[in-house]
Amino acid sequence: MFERLKLKRAKRHDASRVTRLFSSIDSSIQKRDVEGWIGNREVFVLKDRKKIKGAFSFATVGILGLFGFLYIRKLAIENKSRGHGMGSLLIAKIKSLSLKMGATAFFLFSLHKAIRFYEKNRLSGLGRLFWWRKE
């Protein structure tokens, strides 16, 4: 079902679509924020051919390869794709990407309504803070 989905770094022309995705979970997101993150190479998109199905933005903390980890700023799946396993696929890809980038862990703050999703995907949590670390 997901064999056509590819995780790729976002490009400048993806900014409007990524802004709409992130705005669906956080109305304070501005296009200029997304453009800055894309310019800093801090946004990945999950694409089905040319259609963006999901995206996440991150920041690195520490020194990757030594004790670095990723802070996941935003993570969103398009509305019509939610509830079909695409978010779980994106979490798995973030785990893999974290290791490739030299990060030993990542963390994020969850929306209240997404807490069960992160628990289901075996992220450790305390309140709305969730994390994953290399075992």
C-alpha atoms as a PDB file:
ATOM      1  CA  MET A   1       0.000   0.000   0.000  1.00  0.00           C
ATOM      2  CA  PHE A   2       2.830   2.429   0.843  1.00  0.00           C
ATOM      3  CA  GLU A   3       5.442   1.204  -1.640  1.00  0.00           C
ATOM      4  CA  ARG A   4       5.221   4.426  -3.695  1.00  0.00           C
ATOM      5  CA  LEU A   5       5.794   6.679  -0.678  1.00  0.00           C
ATOM      6  CA  LYS A   6       9.215   8.310  -0.523  1.00  0.00           C
ATOM      7  CA  LEU A   7      10.734  10.445   2.216  1.00  0.00           C
ATOM      8  CA  LYS A   8      12.551  13.406   0.677  1.00  0.00           C
ATOM      9  CA  ARG A   9      13.908  16.741   1.776  1.00  0.00           C
ATOM     10  CA  ALA A  10      11.382  19.464   1.086  1.00  0.00           C
ATOM     11  CA  LYS A  11      12.103  21.864  -1.770  1.00  0.00           C
ATOM     12  CA  ARG A  12      11.204  25.550  -1.984  1.00  0.00           C
ATOM     13  CA  HIS A  13       8.189  24.807  -4.181  1.00  0.00           C
ATOM     14  CA  ASP A  14       6.808  22.548  -1.397  1.00  0.00           C
ATOM     15  CA  ALA A  15       6.474  25.447   1.067  1.00  0.00           C
ATOM     16  CA  SER A  16       2.792  26.252   0.445  1.00  0.00           C
ATOM     17  CA  ARG A  17       1.658  22.627   0.751  1.00  0.00           C
ATOM     18  CA  VAL A  18       3.793  22.002   3.841  1.00  0.00           C
ATOM     19  CA  THR A  19       2.454  25.214   5.414  1.00  0.00           C
ATOM     20  CA  ARG A  20      -1.123  23.987   4.852  1.00  0.00           C
ATOM     21  CA  LEU A  21      -0.260  20.617   6.410  1.00  0.00           C
ATOM     22  CA  PHE A  22       1.376  22.158   9.475  1.00  0.00           C
ATOM     23  CA  SER A  23      -1.440  24.729   9.790  1.00  0.00           C
ATOM     24  CA  SER A  24      -3.908  21.854  10.113  1.00  0.00           C
ATOM     25  CA  ILE A  25      -2.329  21.053  13.497  1.00  0.00           C
ATOM     26  CA  ASP A  26      -1.039  24.513  14.504  1.00  0.00           C
ATOM     27  CA  SER A  27      -2.809  27.621  13.239  1.00  0.00           C
ATOM     28  CA  SER A  28       0.142  29.852  14.208  1.00  0.00           C
ATOM     29  CA  ILE A  29       2.380  28.404  11.462  1.00  0.00           C
ATOM     30  CA  GLN A  30       3.371  30.972   8.858  1.00  0.00           C
ATOM     31  CA  LYS A  31       4.678  30.295   5.357  1.00  0.00           C
ATOM     32  CA  ARG A  32       7.850  32.292   6.107  1.00  0.00           C
ATOM     33  CA  ASP A  33       8.604  29.906   9.011  1.00  0.00           C
ATOM     34  CA  VAL A  34       8.270  26.895   6.722  1.00  0.00           C
ATOM     35  CA  GLU A  35      10.351  28.580   4.011  1.00  0.00           C
ATOM     36  CA  GLY A  36      13.103  29.206   6.572  1.00  0.00           C
ATOM     37  CA  TRP A  37      13.049  25.600   7.757  1.00  0.00           C
ATOM     38  CA  ILE A  38      13.168  24.374   4.163  1.00  0.00           C
ATOM     39  CA  GLY A  39      16.068  26.752   3.448  1.00  0.00           C
ATOM     40  CA  ASN A  40      17.906  25.281   6.453  1.00  0.00           C
ATOM     41  CA  ARG A  41      17.175  21.745   5.157  1.00  0.00           C
ATOM     42  CA  GLU A  42      15.042  20.997   8.231  1.00  0.00           C
ATOM     43  CA  VAL A  43      11.876  19.695   6.548  1.00  0.00           C
ATOM     44  CA  PHE A  44      11.183  16.284   5.055  1.00  0.00           C
ATOM     45  CA  VAL A  45       8.091  15.383   3.067  1.00  0.00           C
ATOM     46  CA  LEU A  46       6.449  12.016   2.523  1.00  0.00           C
ATOM     47  CA  LYS A  47       5.475  11.935  -1.152  1.00  0.00           C
ATOM     48  CA  ASP A  48       3.326   9.656  -3.242  1.00  0.00           C
ATOM     49  CA  ARG A  49       4.687  10.511  -6.666  1.00  0.00           C
ATOM     50  CA  LYS A  50       4.316  14.308  -6.604  1.00  0.00           C
ATOM     51  CA  LYS A  51       1.642  14.552  -3.897  1.00  0.00           C
ATOM     52  CA  ILE A  52       2.755  15.408  -0.372  1.00  0.00           C
ATOM     53  CA  LYS A  53       0.978  13.099   2.074  1.00  0.00           C
ATOM     54  CA  GLY A  54       2.860  14.106   5.218  1.00  0.00           C
ATOM     55  CA  ALA A  55       5.754  16.185   6.483  1.00  0.00           C
ATOM     56  CA  PHE A  56       7.876  16.901   9.503  1.00  0.00           C
ATOM     57  CA  SER A  57      10.222  19.665  10.560  1.00  0.00           C
ATOM     58  CA  PHE A  58      13.103  19.184  12.959  1.00  0.00           C
ATOM     59  CA  ALA A  59      16.034  20.896  14.636  1.00  0.00           C
ATOM     60  CA  THR A  60      19.251  19.242  15.735  1.00  0.00           C
ATOM     61  CA  VAL A  61      20.439  19.528  19.305  1.00  0.00           C
ATOM     62  CA  GLY A  62      23.991  18.621  20.313  1.00  0.00           C
ATOM     63  CA  ILE A  63      26.593  17.221  17.970  1.00  0.00           C
ATOM     64  CA  LEU A  64      25.259  14.581  15.595  1.00  0.00           C
ATOM     65  CA  GLY A  65      27.288  11.399  15.734  1.00  0.00           C
ATOM     66  CA  LEU A  66      28.336  12.004  19.340  1.00  0.00           C
ATOM     67  CA  PHE A  67      25.414  12.940  21.554  1.00  0.00           C
ATOM     68  CA  GLY A  68      23.083  14.621  19.128  1.00  0.00           C
ATOM     69  CA  PHE A  69      19.358  14.244  18.886  1.00  0.00           C
ATOM     70  CA  LEU A  70      16.500  15.685  16.886  1.00  0.00           C
ATOM     71  CA  TYR A  71      13.686  17.854  18.130  1.00  0.00           C
ATOM     72  CA  ILE A  72      10.632  17.229  15.945  1.00  0.00           C
ATOM     73  CA  ARG A  73       8.994  20.671  15.661  1.00  0.00           C
ATOM     74  CA  LYS A  74       5.995  19.670  13.572  1.00  0.00           C
ATOM     75  CA  LEU A  75       4.698  16.396  12.202  1.00  0.00           C
ATOM     76  CA  ALA A  76       1.538  16.208  10.116  1.00  0.00           C
ATOM     77  CA  ILE A  77      -0.287  13.838   7.798  1.00  0.00           C
ATOM     78  CA  GLU A  78      -2.906  15.128   5.360  1.00  0.00           C
ATOM     79  CA  ASN A  79      -6.428  14.809   6.772  1.00  0.00           C
ATOM     80  CA  LYS A  80      -7.743  12.198   4.332  1.00  0.00           C
ATOM     81  CA  SER A  81      -4.706   9.942   4.936  1.00  0.00           C
ATOM     82  CA  ARG A  82      -4.989   9.921   8.732  1.00  0.00           C
ATOM     83  CA  GLY A  83      -6.000   6.669  10.388  1.00  0.00           C
ATOM     84  CA  HIS A  84      -4.551   4.448   7.655  1.00  0.00           C
ATOM     85  CA  GLY A  85      -1.038   3.834   9.022  1.00  0.00           C
ATOM     86  CA  MET A  86       0.721   6.661   7.207  1.00  0.00           C
ATOM     87  CA  GLY A  87       1.643   8.435  10.460  1.00  0.00           C
ATOM     88  CA  SER A  88       3.143   5.211  11.816  1.00  0.00           C
ATOM     89  CA  LEU A  89       5.119   4.843   8.600  1.00  0.00           C
ATOM     90  CA  LEU A  90       6.413   8.397   9.002  1.00  0.00           C
ATOM     91  CA  ILE A  91       7.482   7.694  12.608  1.00  0.00           C
ATOM     92  CA  ALA A  92       9.382   4.587  11.418  1.00  0.00           C
ATOM     93  CA  LYS A  93      11.079   6.650   8.709  1.00  0.00           C
ATOM     94  CA  ILE A  94      12.021   9.334  11.258  1.00  0.00           C
ATOM     95  CA  LYS A  95      13.625   6.657  13.450  1.00  0.00           C
ATOM     96  CA  SER A  96      15.639   5.345  10.506  1.00  0.00           C
ATOM     97  CA  LEU A  97      16.576   8.829   9.320  1.00  0.00           C
ATOM     98  CA  SER A  98      17.670   9.801  12.846  1.00  0.00           C
ATOM     99  CA  LEU A  99      20.155   6.949  12.883  1.00  0.00           C
ATOM    100  CA  LYS A 100      21.437   7.770   9.383  1.00  0.00           C
ATOM    101  CA  MET A 101      21.964  11.388  10.432  1.00  0.00           C
ATOM    102  CA  GLY A 102      23.927  10.297  13.504  1.00  0.00           C
ATOM    103  CA  ALA A 103      21.264  11.162  16.078  1.00  0.00           C
ATOM    104  CA  THR A 104      20.827   8.783  18.981  1.00  0.00           C
ATOM    105  CA  ALA A 105      17.312   9.993  19.830  1.00  0.00           C
ATOM    106  CA  PHE A 106      14.487  12.333  18.955  1.00  0.00           C
ATOM    107  CA  PHE A 107      11.782  14.019  20.983  1.00  0.00           C
ATOM    108  CA  LEU A 108       8.576  15.947  20.368  1.00  0.00           C
ATOM    109  CA  PHE A 109       5.662  17.539  22.162  1.00  0.00           C
ATOM    110  CA  SER A 110       2.328  15.976  21.288  1.00  0.00           C
ATOM    111  CA  LEU A 111      -1.059  17.488  20.740  1.00  0.00           C
ATOM    112  CA  HIS A 112      -3.379  16.137  23.415  1.00  0.00           C
ATOM    113  CA  LYS A 113      -5.419  14.256  20.806  1.00  0.00           C
ATOM    114  CA  ALA A 114      -2.289  12.503  19.431  1.00  0.00           C
ATOM    115  CA  ILE A 115      -0.993  11.010  22.696  1.00  0.00           C
ATOM    116  CA  ARG A 116      -2.435   7.546  21.981  1.00  0.00           C
ATOM    117  CA  PHE A 117      -0.857   7.608  18.513  1.00  0.00           C
ATOM    118  CA  TYR A 118       2.648   8.089  19.950  1.00  0.00           C
ATOM    119  CA  GLU A 119       2.040   5.470  22.631  1.00  0.00           C
ATOM    120  CA  LYS A 120       0.882   3.026  19.937  1.00  0.00           C
ATOM    121  CA  ASN A 121       4.104   3.709  18.018  1.00  0.00           C
ATOM    122  CA  ARG A 122       6.167   2.748  21.058  1.00  0.00           C
ATOM    123  CA  LEU A 123       7.563   6.165  21.891  1.00  0.00           C
ATOM    124  CA  SER A 124       8.257   6.727  25.558  1.00  0.00           C
ATOM    125  CA  GLY A 125       6.264   9.522  27.094  1.00  0.00           C
ATOM    126  CA  LEU A 126       5.628  11.735  30.050  1.00  0.00           C
ATOM    127  CA  GLY A 127       2.563  13.920  29.737  1.00  0.00           C
ATOM    128  CA  ARG A 128       2.768  15.443  26.249  1.00  0.00           C
ATOM    129  CA  LEU A 129       6.543  14.904  25.861  1.00  0.00           C
ATOM    130  CA  PHE A 130       7.451  11.843  23.814  1.00  0.00           C
ATOM    131  CA  TRP A 131      10.823  10.473  22.794  1.00  0.00           C
ATOM    132  CA  TRP A 132      12.546   7.610  21.089  1.00  0.00           C
ATOM    133  CA  ARG A 133      16.140   6.585  21.573  1.00  0.00           C
ATOM    134  CA  LYS A 134      18.410   4.058  19.974  1.00  0.00           C
ATOM    135  CA  GLU A 135      18.357   0.840  22.003  1.00  0.00           C
END
